Amino acid sequence: MTAPFHIHGEDRPGRWLVTCDHATNRVPDWVGGGSLGIADADMGRHIAYDLGAAGLARALADRLDSPAILSDFSRLVIDPNRGEDDPTLVMRLYDGTIIPANRHVDAAEVERRLDRLYRPYHAALARLAARRSDTVIVAVHSFTPCLRGRALRPWAVGILHSPLGDRLSRALLVRLAAEPGLCVGDNEPYSGHLPGDAIDRHALAPGRHNTLIELRNDLIATPEAQQNWADRLAPHLTAALADVT
């Protein structure tokens, strides 16, 4: 069985671990024959994966000389950035789109997806995080400029954090806010603390420094843009970590 994740640069020595929970829109062939029953256009939207995040995560890991782990299944199949008991673990409706293959998902099917996708991903993430006692987790996500029927989001980048462990994020916010003309969201466009999510599980619970970076997806739509943002973010991350250690 193919692993439901990719590891980029596993043997690198750096203390960072870059994660990308929503790296792809792939649907395994054992789920609906490889389809969730929605249009290709919807599978290409932010509802299925974080556009541009995978390329940014790899590029950022390269700059930090550290490994990255990336999921290899769509968030619509099962969302690795949710707790196992979260009601949004398997979405039936997302940003105006009904997900036919999920409408009548029962507990047995959820358990199958947990066993074959979600749990192996988290086991690999935990193993990578434990390779050093001083691991720092940086989670890479992207967000759509506008949800259906909502106002345009003004932020270019958002830094998400929890009060249970926000020192690195706050140091990073200070440094990003000093960039002229850069609109930075502090726990925007989402709240940074969701009990049971990937940061809660792998960073907050074990007491690791962490931050979650959300890039507006139109700003990282090309490989060149992803490389440029990695060049921009890596020095800020390194300096912010020095500020708090």
Protein backbone atom coordinates (compact mmCIF):
# COMPACT_ATOMS: atom_id res chain seq x y z
CA MET A 1 0.00 0.00 0.00
CA THR A 2 1.33 3.42 -0.95
CA ALA A 3 2.12 5.67 2.00
CA PRO A 4 -0.41 8.52 2.36
CA PHE A 5 2.35 11.10 2.76
CA HIS A 6 5.63 12.27 1.23
CA ILE A 7 8.75 13.16 3.19
CA HIS A 8 11.07 15.71 1.64
CA GLY A 9 14.66 15.80 2.90
CA GLU A 10 14.21 13.26 5.69
CA ASP A 11 17.92 13.08 6.58
CA ARG A 12 18.50 16.82 6.85
CA PRO A 13 20.03 17.98 10.14
CA GLY A 14 18.03 21.16 10.81
CA ARG A 15 15.80 21.44 13.87
CA TRP A 16 12.78 22.61 11.90
CA LEU A 17 10.01 20.31 10.72
CA VAL A 18 7.87 21.80 7.96
CA THR A 19 4.41 20.27 7.67
CA CYS A 20 1.83 20.56 4.91
CA ASP A 21 -1.44 18.96 5.99
CA HIS A 22 -3.37 19.91 2.86
CA ALA A 23 -0.76 19.36 0.17
CA THR A 24 -2.83 17.64 -2.53
CA ASN A 25 -6.31 17.06 -3.91
CA ARG A 26 -5.68 13.36 -4.58
CA VAL A 27 -8.51 10.93 -3.85
CA PRO A 28 -7.38 7.31 -3.36
CA ASP A 29 -8.96 4.88 -5.80
CA TRP A 30 -10.56 2.96 -2.92
CA VAL A 31 -12.64 6.04 -2.07
CA GLY A 32 -15.43 6.39 -4.59
CA GLY A 33 -13.26 4.90 -7.33
CA GLY A 34 -10.96 7.91 -6.98
CA SER A 35 -13.73 10.52 -7.06
CA LEU A 36 -15.77 12.34 -4.44
CA GLY A 37 -18.48 13.07 -7.00
CA ILE A 38 -17.79 16.77 -7.39
CA ALA A 39 -16.70 18.67 -10.49
CA ASP A 40 -13.05 18.94 -11.48
CA ALA A 41 -13.32 22.70 -11.00
CA ASP A 42 -14.29 22.18 -7.37
CA MET A 43 -11.49 19.67 -6.86
CA GLY A 44 -9.15 22.42 -8.04
CA ARG A 45 -10.42 24.86 -5.41
CA HIS A 46 -9.22 25.53 -1.88
CA ILE A 47 -11.92 23.21 -0.54
CA ALA A 48 -9.94 20.16 -1.73
CA TYR A 49 -6.41 21.27 -0.82
CA ASP A 50 -4.23 24.29 -0.05
CA LEU A 51 -3.14 25.58 -3.44
CA GLY A 52 0.56 26.42 -3.62
CA ALA A 53 1.28 25.17 -0.10
CA ALA A 54 3.14 22.00 -1.12
CA GLY A 55 5.66 23.87 -3.25
CA LEU A 56 6.15 26.49 -0.57
CA ALA A 57 6.62 23.83 2.12
CA ARG A 58 9.32 22.05 0.11
CA ALA A 59 11.09 25.30 -0.73
CA LEU A 60 10.97 26.47 2.88
CA ALA A 61 12.36 23.14 4.10
CA ASP A 62 15.20 23.54 1.57
CA ARG A 63 16.05 26.99 2.95
CA LEU A 64 15.96 25.72 6.55
CA ASP A 65 17.97 22.56 5.76
CA SER A 66 15.22 20.56 7.46
CA PRO A 67 12.68 17.91 6.49
CA ALA A 68 9.11 18.44 5.37
CA ILE A 69 6.16 16.08 5.52
CA LEU A 70 3.27 16.49 3.10
CA SER A 71 -0.05 14.66 3.02
CA ASP A 72 -0.97 12.67 -0.08
CA PHE A 73 -4.77 12.75 0.19
CA SER A 74 -7.38 15.47 -0.15
CA ARG A 75 -8.69 17.18 2.94
CA LEU A 76 -12.16 16.30 1.62
CA VAL A 77 -11.41 12.59 2.02
CA ILE A 78 -10.40 13.14 5.64
CA ASP A 79 -8.80 16.22 7.16
CA PRO A 80 -5.48 15.56 8.92
CA ASN A 81 -5.65 19.00 10.52
CA ARG A 82 -8.63 18.01 12.66
CA GLY A 83 -8.94 15.88 15.75
CA GLU A 84 -10.40 12.41 15.32
CA ASP A 85 -13.57 13.49 17.14
CA ASP A 86 -13.96 16.78 15.26
CA PRO A 87 -17.33 17.03 13.43
CA THR A 88 -15.53 18.58 10.42
CA LEU A 89 -13.14 15.63 10.06
CA VAL A 90 -15.07 14.49 6.97
CA MET A 91 -16.80 17.42 5.34
CA ARG A 92 -20.20 16.98 3.72
CA LEU A 93 -20.55 20.63 2.64
CA TYR A 94 -17.72 23.10 2.16
CA ASP A 95 -17.90 26.69 0.90
CA GLY A 96 -21.14 26.04 -0.95
CA THR A 97 -20.20 22.67 -2.47
CA ILE A 98 -21.92 19.45 -1.42
CA ILE A 99 -19.53 16.48 -1.30
CA PRO A 100 -21.64 13.55 -2.61
CA ALA A 101 -19.21 10.78 -1.57
CA ASN A 102 -19.32 12.08 2.01
CA ARG A 103 -23.05 12.69 2.41
CA HIS A 104 -23.78 9.26 3.84
CA VAL A 105 -20.39 8.30 5.27
CA ASP A 106 -20.84 6.01 8.25
CA ALA A 107 -18.59 5.31 11.23
CA ALA A 108 -17.04 2.27 9.54
CA GLU A 109 -15.98 4.29 6.50
CA VAL A 110 -14.57 7.07 8.67
CA GLU A 111 -12.58 4.45 10.58
CA ARG A 112 -11.26 3.02 7.32
CA ARG A 113 -10.05 6.44 6.21
CA LEU A 114 -8.52 7.07 9.62
CA ASP A 115 -6.60 3.78 9.51
CA ARG A 116 -5.38 4.05 5.93
CA LEU A 117 -4.68 7.78 5.65
CA TYR A 118 -4.97 9.94 8.74
CA ARG A 119 -3.23 7.80 11.35
CA PRO A 120 -0.22 6.82 9.18
CA TYR A 121 0.31 10.51 8.34
CA HIS A 122 0.29 11.49 12.01
CA ALA A 123 2.51 8.57 12.98
CA ALA A 124 5.11 9.68 10.42
CA LEU A 125 4.83 13.29 11.56
CA ALA A 126 5.33 12.24 15.18
CA ARG A 127 8.38 10.16 14.24
CA LEU A 128 9.98 13.07 12.38
CA ALA A 129 9.23 15.49 15.20
CA ALA A 130 10.88 13.14 17.71
CA ARG A 131 14.15 12.89 15.80
CA ARG A 132 15.49 15.83 17.84
CA SER A 133 14.66 17.06 21.33
CA ASP A 134 14.51 20.67 20.11
CA THR A 135 12.30 20.26 17.02
CA VAL A 136 10.41 23.36 15.90
CA ILE A 137 7.26 22.84 13.84
CA VAL A 138 6.21 25.25 11.13
CA ALA A 139 2.92 24.36 9.45
CA VAL A 140 2.35 25.70 5.94
CA HIS A 141 -1.18 26.38 4.68
CA SER A 142 -2.82 28.66 2.14
CA PHE A 143 -6.16 30.43 2.03
CA THR A 144 -8.46 31.64 -0.70
CA PRO A 145 -8.68 35.41 -1.25
CA CYS A 146 -12.47 35.24 -0.98
CA LEU A 147 -15.00 32.71 0.25
CA ARG A 148 -18.22 32.54 -1.75
CA GLY A 149 -20.48 35.44 -0.86
CA ARG A 150 -17.94 36.96 1.50
CA ALA A 151 -15.75 40.07 1.41
CA LEU A 152 -12.24 40.01 0.02
CA ARG A 153 -9.64 39.11 2.59
CA PRO A 154 -7.01 41.86 2.92
CA TRP A 155 -4.13 39.79 4.32
CA ALA A 156 -1.21 38.54 2.25
CA VAL A 157 -0.05 36.25 5.03
CA GLY A 158 -1.52 35.16 8.33
CA ILE A 159 0.28 33.82 11.38
CA LEU A 160 -1.89 31.51 13.45
CA HIS A 161 -1.10 30.65 17.04
CA SER A 162 -2.49 29.43 20.34
CA PRO A 163 -2.06 31.08 23.73
CA LEU A 164 -0.79 27.70 24.90
CA GLY A 165 2.41 28.21 22.91
CA ASP A 166 2.69 31.40 20.88
CA ARG A 167 6.16 32.81 21.56
CA LEU A 168 7.59 31.97 18.13
CA SER A 169 4.49 33.19 16.32
CA ARG A 170 4.50 36.51 18.15
CA ALA A 171 8.18 37.05 17.38
CA LEU A 172 7.48 36.21 13.74
CA LEU A 173 4.56 38.63 13.64
CA VAL A 174 6.79 41.46 14.83
CA ARG A 175 9.30 40.80 12.09
CA LEU A 176 6.74 40.43 9.32
CA ALA A 177 4.89 43.56 10.43
CA ALA A 178 8.08 45.52 9.87
CA GLU A 179 7.98 44.76 6.13
CA PRO A 180 6.64 47.87 4.34
CA GLY A 181 3.29 47.34 2.66
CA LEU A 182 2.81 43.76 3.84
CA CYS A 183 -0.65 43.12 5.29
CA VAL A 184 -0.19 40.51 8.01
CA GLY A 185 -3.01 38.76 9.84
CA ASP A 186 -2.66 37.95 13.53
CA ASN A 187 -4.82 34.81 13.90
CA GLU A 188 -6.43 35.78 10.60
CA PRO A 189 -8.15 34.59 8.49
CA TYR A 190 -8.70 31.79 11.02
CA SER A 191 -8.29 31.25 14.73
CA GLY A 192 -5.00 29.62 15.60
CA HIS A 193 -6.19 27.17 18.23
CA LEU A 194 -8.34 24.16 17.42
CA PRO A 195 -8.22 21.40 20.02
CA GLY A 196 -6.92 18.18 18.51
CA ASP A 197 -5.51 19.74 15.35
CA ALA A 198 -2.01 18.96 14.09
CA ILE A 199 -0.27 21.79 15.95
CA ASP A 200 -2.15 20.99 19.15
CA ARG A 201 -1.16 17.35 18.88
CA HIS A 202 2.46 17.58 17.74
CA ALA A 203 3.63 20.94 19.09
CA LEU A 204 1.49 22.25 21.94
CA ALA A 205 1.04 18.96 23.82
CA PRO A 206 4.77 18.10 23.81
CA GLY A 207 5.82 21.73 24.37
CA ARG A 208 7.58 22.41 21.06
CA HIS A 209 8.07 25.85 19.54
CA ASN A 210 5.69 26.21 16.62
CA THR A 211 3.93 28.50 14.21
CA LEU A 212 1.36 28.15 11.45
CA ILE A 213 1.78 30.24 8.30
CA GLU A 214 -1.16 30.92 5.99
CA LEU A 215 -0.31 32.42 2.58
CA ARG A 216 -3.00 33.82 0.32
CA ASN A 217 -3.05 31.28 -2.47
CA ASP A 218 -2.97 33.70 -5.39
CA LEU A 219 0.43 34.89 -4.10
CA ILE A 220 1.97 31.40 -4.34
CA ALA A 221 0.31 30.16 -7.52
CA THR A 222 3.57 29.48 -9.39
CA PRO A 223 6.80 27.66 -8.50
CA GLU A 224 8.68 30.95 -8.83
CA ALA A 225 6.34 32.66 -6.37
CA GLN A 226 6.69 29.76 -3.94
CA GLN A 227 10.47 30.00 -4.11
CA ASN A 228 10.32 33.76 -3.60
CA TRP A 229 8.13 33.45 -0.52
CA ALA A 230 10.41 30.77 0.90
CA ASP A 231 13.33 33.19 0.43
CA ARG A 232 11.30 35.84 2.21
CA LEU A 233 10.04 33.73 5.12
CA ALA A 234 13.09 31.64 6.02
CA PRO A 235 15.20 34.52 7.39
CA HIS A 236 12.25 35.79 9.43
CA LEU A 237 11.67 32.33 10.89
CA THR A 238 15.34 31.90 11.77
CA ALA A 239 15.54 35.34 13.38
CA ALA A 240 12.25 34.87 15.26
CA LEU A 241 13.47 31.58 16.69
CA ALA A 242 16.68 33.26 17.83
CA ASP A 243 14.52 35.88 19.56
CA VAL A 244 12.81 33.27 21.73
CA THR A 245 15.60 30.77 22.42
